[in-house]
Amino acid sequence: MTINRLIRLVSKHYDDNYILATCWNSRASRPNTLEEYDHAGGGDTLAHFIAVELYETFSAFDTDAHQLDEAIRVMDSASRQISAITAALQRKRAQLRD
């Protein structure tokens, strides 16, 4: 599997194919730089984060299964961290009176 193929797979399941459309440079097989990202419309830093995380943990020398396992691992880790932040915000909000 190539990194471009992995990004295409992930981007299909992200709003408006945004990762591929705005955060990824297919010709260079890498995430857009922040300057390129801003020029392409920017705005969704979570999409850019996903592209960077997948790129930084990808190894072209690994099997497809290992590449997918690693992508699952890093996305699961990010998901857990975001869920913990959401829960903390919800607890804080519940302490406030309207």
N, C-alpha and C. Protein backbone atom coordinates (compact mmCIF):
# COMPACT_ATOMS: atom_id res chain seq x y z
N MET A 1 0.85 -1.17 0.00
CA MET A 1 0.00 0.00 0.00
C MET A 1 0.90 1.23 0.00
N THR A 2 0.50 2.23 -0.74
CA THR A 2 1.23 3.49 -0.73
C THR A 2 0.57 4.45 0.25
N ILE A 3 1.32 5.47 0.64
CA ILE A 3 0.75 6.48 1.53
C ILE A 3 -0.41 7.20 0.83
N ASN A 4 -0.30 7.44 -0.47
CA ASN A 4 -1.39 8.10 -1.19
C ASN A 4 -2.67 7.25 -1.14
N ARG A 5 -2.51 5.95 -1.26
CA ARG A 5 -3.68 5.06 -1.21
C ARG A 5 -4.31 5.10 0.18
N LEU A 6 -3.50 5.09 1.22
CA LEU A 6 -4.01 5.17 2.59
C LEU A 6 -4.76 6.49 2.81
N ILE A 7 -4.18 7.58 2.35
CA ILE A 7 -4.82 8.89 2.52
C ILE A 7 -6.15 8.94 1.74
N ARG A 8 -6.17 8.39 0.53
CA ARG A 8 -7.43 8.34 -0.23
C ARG A 8 -8.50 7.56 0.53
N LEU A 9 -8.11 6.43 1.11
CA LEU A 9 -9.04 5.61 1.88
C LEU A 9 -9.62 6.39 3.05
N VAL A 10 -8.75 7.02 3.82
CA VAL A 10 -9.18 7.78 4.99
C VAL A 10 -10.01 8.99 4.59
N SER A 11 -9.58 9.68 3.56
CA SER A 11 -10.25 10.92 3.15
C SER A 11 -11.68 10.67 2.67
N LYS A 12 -11.94 9.51 2.09
CA LYS A 12 -13.31 9.17 1.66
C LYS A 12 -14.29 9.19 2.81
N HIS A 13 -13.79 8.99 4.02
CA HIS A 13 -14.66 8.89 5.19
C HIS A 13 -14.57 10.13 6.08
N TYR A 14 -14.04 11.20 5.52
CA TYR A 14 -13.95 12.48 6.23
C TYR A 14 -14.81 13.47 5.45
N ASP A 15 -15.43 14.39 6.15
CA ASP A 15 -16.34 15.35 5.50
C ASP A 15 -15.76 15.92 4.21
N ASP A 16 -16.51 15.82 3.15
CA ASP A 16 -16.18 16.42 1.85
C ASP A 16 -14.82 16.00 1.29
N ASN A 17 -14.34 14.82 1.67
CA ASN A 17 -13.04 14.35 1.17
C ASN A 17 -11.94 15.38 1.46
N TYR A 18 -12.12 16.10 2.57
CA TYR A 18 -11.32 17.29 2.89
C TYR A 18 -9.84 17.00 3.04
N ILE A 19 -9.49 15.83 3.59
CA ILE A 19 -8.08 15.53 3.81
C ILE A 19 -7.33 15.52 2.48
N LEU A 20 -7.87 14.81 1.51
CA LEU A 20 -7.22 14.73 0.20
C LEU A 20 -7.32 16.05 -0.54
N ALA A 21 -8.45 16.71 -0.43
CA ALA A 21 -8.67 17.94 -1.19
C ALA A 21 -7.84 19.12 -0.70
N THR A 22 -7.58 19.19 0.60
CA THR A 22 -6.95 20.39 1.15
C THR A 22 -5.64 20.14 1.89
N CYS A 23 -5.48 18.96 2.43
CA CYS A 23 -4.35 18.71 3.34
C CYS A 23 -3.25 17.85 2.75
N TRP A 24 -3.44 17.34 1.55
CA TRP A 24 -2.50 16.35 1.03
C TRP A 24 -1.96 16.75 -0.34
N ASN A 25 -0.67 16.55 -0.54
CA ASN A 25 -0.03 16.78 -1.83
C ASN A 25 0.25 15.41 -2.44
N SER A 26 -0.63 14.97 -3.34
CA SER A 26 -0.53 13.62 -3.92
C SER A 26 0.73 13.46 -4.78
N ARG A 27 1.12 14.51 -5.47
CA ARG A 27 2.32 14.40 -6.32
C ARG A 27 3.58 14.17 -5.50
N ALA A 28 3.66 14.82 -4.34
CA ALA A 28 4.83 14.68 -3.48
C ALA A 28 4.65 13.58 -2.42
N SER A 29 3.46 13.01 -2.34
CA SER A 29 3.14 11.96 -1.35
C SER A 29 3.47 12.41 0.07
N ARG A 30 2.94 13.58 0.43
CA ARG A 30 3.18 14.13 1.76
C ARG A 30 2.07 15.12 2.10
N PRO A 31 1.94 15.44 3.39
CA PRO A 31 0.96 16.46 3.77
C PRO A 31 1.38 17.82 3.19
N ASN A 32 0.42 18.65 2.93
CA ASN A 32 0.74 20.01 2.54
C ASN A 32 1.46 20.71 3.69
N THR A 33 2.38 21.59 3.35
CA THR A 33 2.96 22.45 4.38
C THR A 33 1.85 23.36 4.88
N LEU A 34 2.07 24.03 5.98
CA LEU A 34 1.04 24.95 6.48
C LEU A 34 0.75 26.05 5.47
N GLU A 35 1.77 26.51 4.77
CA GLU A 35 1.56 27.53 3.73
C GLU A 35 0.70 26.99 2.59
N GLU A 36 0.99 25.77 2.13
CA GLU A 36 0.19 25.16 1.07
C GLU A 36 -1.24 24.90 1.55
N TYR A 37 -1.35 24.46 2.79
CA TYR A 37 -2.65 24.20 3.39
C TYR A 37 -3.49 25.47 3.44
N ASP A 38 -2.90 26.57 3.89
CA ASP A 38 -3.62 27.85 3.93
C ASP A 38 -4.02 28.30 2.52
N HIS A 39 -3.12 28.13 1.56
CA HIS A 39 -3.39 28.51 0.18
C HIS A 39 -4.53 27.67 -0.42
N ALA A 40 -4.63 26.41 0.01
CA ALA A 40 -5.67 25.50 -0.50
C ALA A 40 -7.02 25.72 0.17
N GLY A 41 -7.09 26.61 1.13
CA GLY A 41 -8.36 26.88 1.79
C GLY A 41 -8.33 26.66 3.28
N GLY A 42 -7.41 25.82 3.76
CA GLY A 42 -7.21 25.59 5.18
C GLY A 42 -8.48 25.59 6.00
N GLY A 43 -8.33 25.72 7.29
CA GLY A 43 -9.48 25.86 8.16
C GLY A 43 -9.80 24.66 9.02
N ASP A 44 -9.58 23.45 8.53
CA ASP A 44 -9.89 22.25 9.29
C ASP A 44 -8.58 21.63 9.77
N THR A 45 -8.14 22.07 10.93
CA THR A 45 -6.85 21.60 11.42
C THR A 45 -6.89 20.14 11.86
N LEU A 46 -8.06 19.60 12.18
CA LEU A 46 -8.14 18.18 12.50
C LEU A 46 -7.81 17.35 11.27
N ALA A 47 -8.30 17.74 10.11
CA ALA A 47 -7.98 17.03 8.87
C ALA A 47 -6.48 17.08 8.60
N HIS A 48 -5.88 18.23 8.81
CA HIS A 48 -4.43 18.36 8.60
C HIS A 48 -3.67 17.49 9.59
N PHE A 49 -4.12 17.48 10.84
CA PHE A 49 -3.51 16.63 11.86
C PHE A 49 -3.55 15.16 11.44
N ILE A 50 -4.68 14.71 10.94
CA ILE A 50 -4.82 13.31 10.50
C ILE A 50 -3.82 13.01 9.39
N ALA A 51 -3.72 13.89 8.42
CA ALA A 51 -2.79 13.68 7.31
C ALA A 51 -1.35 13.59 7.83
N VAL A 52 -0.99 14.48 8.72
CA VAL A 52 0.38 14.49 9.26
C VAL A 52 0.64 13.23 10.10
N GLU A 53 -0.29 12.85 10.96
CA GLU A 53 -0.10 11.66 11.79
C GLU A 53 0.07 10.41 10.94
N LEU A 54 -0.76 10.25 9.93
CA LEU A 54 -0.66 9.06 9.09
C LEU A 54 0.66 9.06 8.32
N TYR A 55 1.05 10.21 7.84
CA TYR A 55 2.32 10.32 7.09
C TYR A 55 3.51 9.99 7.99
N GLU A 56 3.52 10.54 9.20
CA GLU A 56 4.67 10.37 10.08
C GLU A 56 4.81 8.95 10.62
N THR A 57 3.74 8.18 10.61
CA THR A 57 3.81 6.82 11.14
C THR A 57 3.80 5.77 10.03
N PHE A 58 3.78 6.19 8.78
CA PHE A 58 3.72 5.27 7.63
C PHE A 58 5.11 4.77 7.27
N SER A 59 5.19 3.48 6.95
CA SER A 59 6.44 2.91 6.45
C SER A 59 6.14 2.11 5.19
N ALA A 60 6.71 2.53 4.08
CA ALA A 60 6.48 1.85 2.80
C ALA A 60 7.04 0.44 2.80
N PHE A 61 7.89 0.12 3.75
CA PHE A 61 8.52 -1.20 3.80
C PHE A 61 7.66 -2.22 4.55
N ASP A 62 6.62 -1.77 5.22
CA ASP A 62 5.74 -2.67 5.97
C ASP A 62 4.67 -3.27 5.09
N THR A 63 4.08 -4.35 5.56
CA THR A 63 2.96 -4.97 4.85
C THR A 63 1.74 -4.07 4.94
N ASP A 64 0.78 -4.30 4.06
CA ASP A 64 -0.48 -3.54 4.11
C ASP A 64 -1.14 -3.71 5.48
N ALA A 65 -1.13 -4.94 5.98
CA ALA A 65 -1.76 -5.20 7.28
C ALA A 65 -1.09 -4.39 8.38
N HIS A 66 0.24 -4.35 8.39
CA HIS A 66 0.95 -3.59 9.42
C HIS A 66 0.70 -2.09 9.26
N GLN A 67 0.67 -1.60 8.04
CA GLN A 67 0.38 -0.18 7.80
C GLN A 67 -1.00 0.18 8.32
N LEU A 68 -1.97 -0.68 8.06
CA LEU A 68 -3.33 -0.42 8.55
C LEU A 68 -3.39 -0.52 10.07
N ASP A 69 -2.70 -1.51 10.65
CA ASP A 69 -2.66 -1.62 12.11
C ASP A 69 -2.08 -0.36 12.74
N GLU A 70 -1.02 0.18 12.15
CA GLU A 70 -0.39 1.39 12.69
C GLU A 70 -1.33 2.60 12.53
N ALA A 71 -1.98 2.71 11.40
CA ALA A 71 -2.94 3.81 11.18
C ALA A 71 -4.08 3.71 12.20
N ILE A 72 -4.57 2.51 12.43
CA ILE A 72 -5.63 2.30 13.43
C ILE A 72 -5.12 2.71 14.81
N ARG A 73 -3.90 2.32 15.14
CA ARG A 73 -3.34 2.64 16.45
C ARG A 73 -3.26 4.14 16.68
N VAL A 74 -2.72 4.88 15.70
CA VAL A 74 -2.56 6.33 15.92
C VAL A 74 -3.90 7.05 15.91
N MET A 75 -4.84 6.62 15.08
CA MET A 75 -6.16 7.26 15.07
C MET A 75 -6.93 6.92 16.34
N ASP A 76 -6.78 5.68 16.84
CA ASP A 76 -7.43 5.30 18.08
C ASP A 76 -6.87 6.10 19.25
N SER A 77 -5.57 6.30 19.27
CA SER A 77 -4.95 7.10 20.32
C SER A 77 -5.47 8.54 20.29
N ALA A 78 -5.53 9.12 19.12
CA ALA A 78 -6.06 10.49 18.99
C ALA A 78 -7.52 10.55 19.42
N SER A 79 -8.28 9.55 19.03
CA SER A 79 -9.70 9.50 19.39
C SER A 79 -9.88 9.44 20.91
N ARG A 80 -9.08 8.62 21.57
CA ARG A 80 -9.16 8.52 23.04
C ARG A 80 -8.82 9.86 23.70
N GLN A 81 -7.81 10.54 23.18
CA GLN A 81 -7.42 11.83 23.76
C GLN A 81 -8.52 12.87 23.55
N ILE A 82 -9.10 12.89 22.38
CA ILE A 82 -10.19 13.84 22.11
C ILE A 82 -11.40 13.51 22.97
N SER A 83 -11.70 12.23 23.14
CA SER A 83 -12.82 11.82 24.00
C SER A 83 -12.59 12.25 25.44
N ALA A 84 -11.36 12.13 25.93
CA ALA A 84 -11.05 12.55 27.29
C ALA A 84 -11.24 14.06 27.46
N ILE A 85 -10.84 14.82 26.47
CA ILE A 85 -11.02 16.27 26.52
C ILE A 85 -12.51 16.62 26.49
N THR A 86 -13.26 15.95 25.63
CA THR A 86 -14.71 16.18 25.55
C THR A 86 -15.37 15.88 26.89
N ALA A 87 -15.01 14.77 27.50
CA ALA A 87 -15.59 14.40 28.80
C ALA A 87 -15.25 15.44 29.87
N ALA A 88 -14.03 15.94 29.87
CA ALA A 88 -13.64 16.96 30.85
C ALA A 88 -14.44 18.24 30.64
N LEU A 89 -14.63 18.62 29.41
CA LEU A 89 -15.43 19.81 29.12
C LEU A 89 -16.89 19.61 29.54
N GLN A 90 -17.41 18.42 29.30
CA GLN A 90 -18.79 18.13 29.69
C GLN A 90 -18.96 18.17 31.22
N ARG A 91 -17.98 17.63 31.94
CA ARG A 91 -18.03 17.67 33.40
C ARG A 91 -17.99 19.11 33.90
N LYS A 92 -17.11 19.91 33.31
CA LYS A 92 -17.02 21.32 33.70
C LYS A 92 -18.31 22.05 33.40
N ARG A 93 -18.88 21.79 32.23
CA ARG A 93 -20.14 22.44 31.85
C ARG A 93 -21.27 22.05 32.79
N ALA A 94 -21.30 20.81 33.23
CA ALA A 94 -22.34 20.35 34.14
C ALA A 94 -22.26 21.03 35.51
N GLN A 95 -21.06 21.50 35.86
CA GLN A 95 -20.88 22.21 37.14
C GLN A 95 -21.40 23.64 37.09
N LEU A 96 -21.57 24.18 35.91
CA LEU A 96 -22.00 25.57 35.76
C LEU A 96 -23.52 25.65 35.80
N ARG A 97 -23.99 26.72 36.34
CA ARG A 97 -25.43 26.99 36.30
C ARG A 97 -25.72 27.87 35.11
N ASP A 98 -26.81 27.60 34.46
CA ASP A 98 -27.21 28.43 33.31
C ASP A 98 -27.65 29.80 33.74
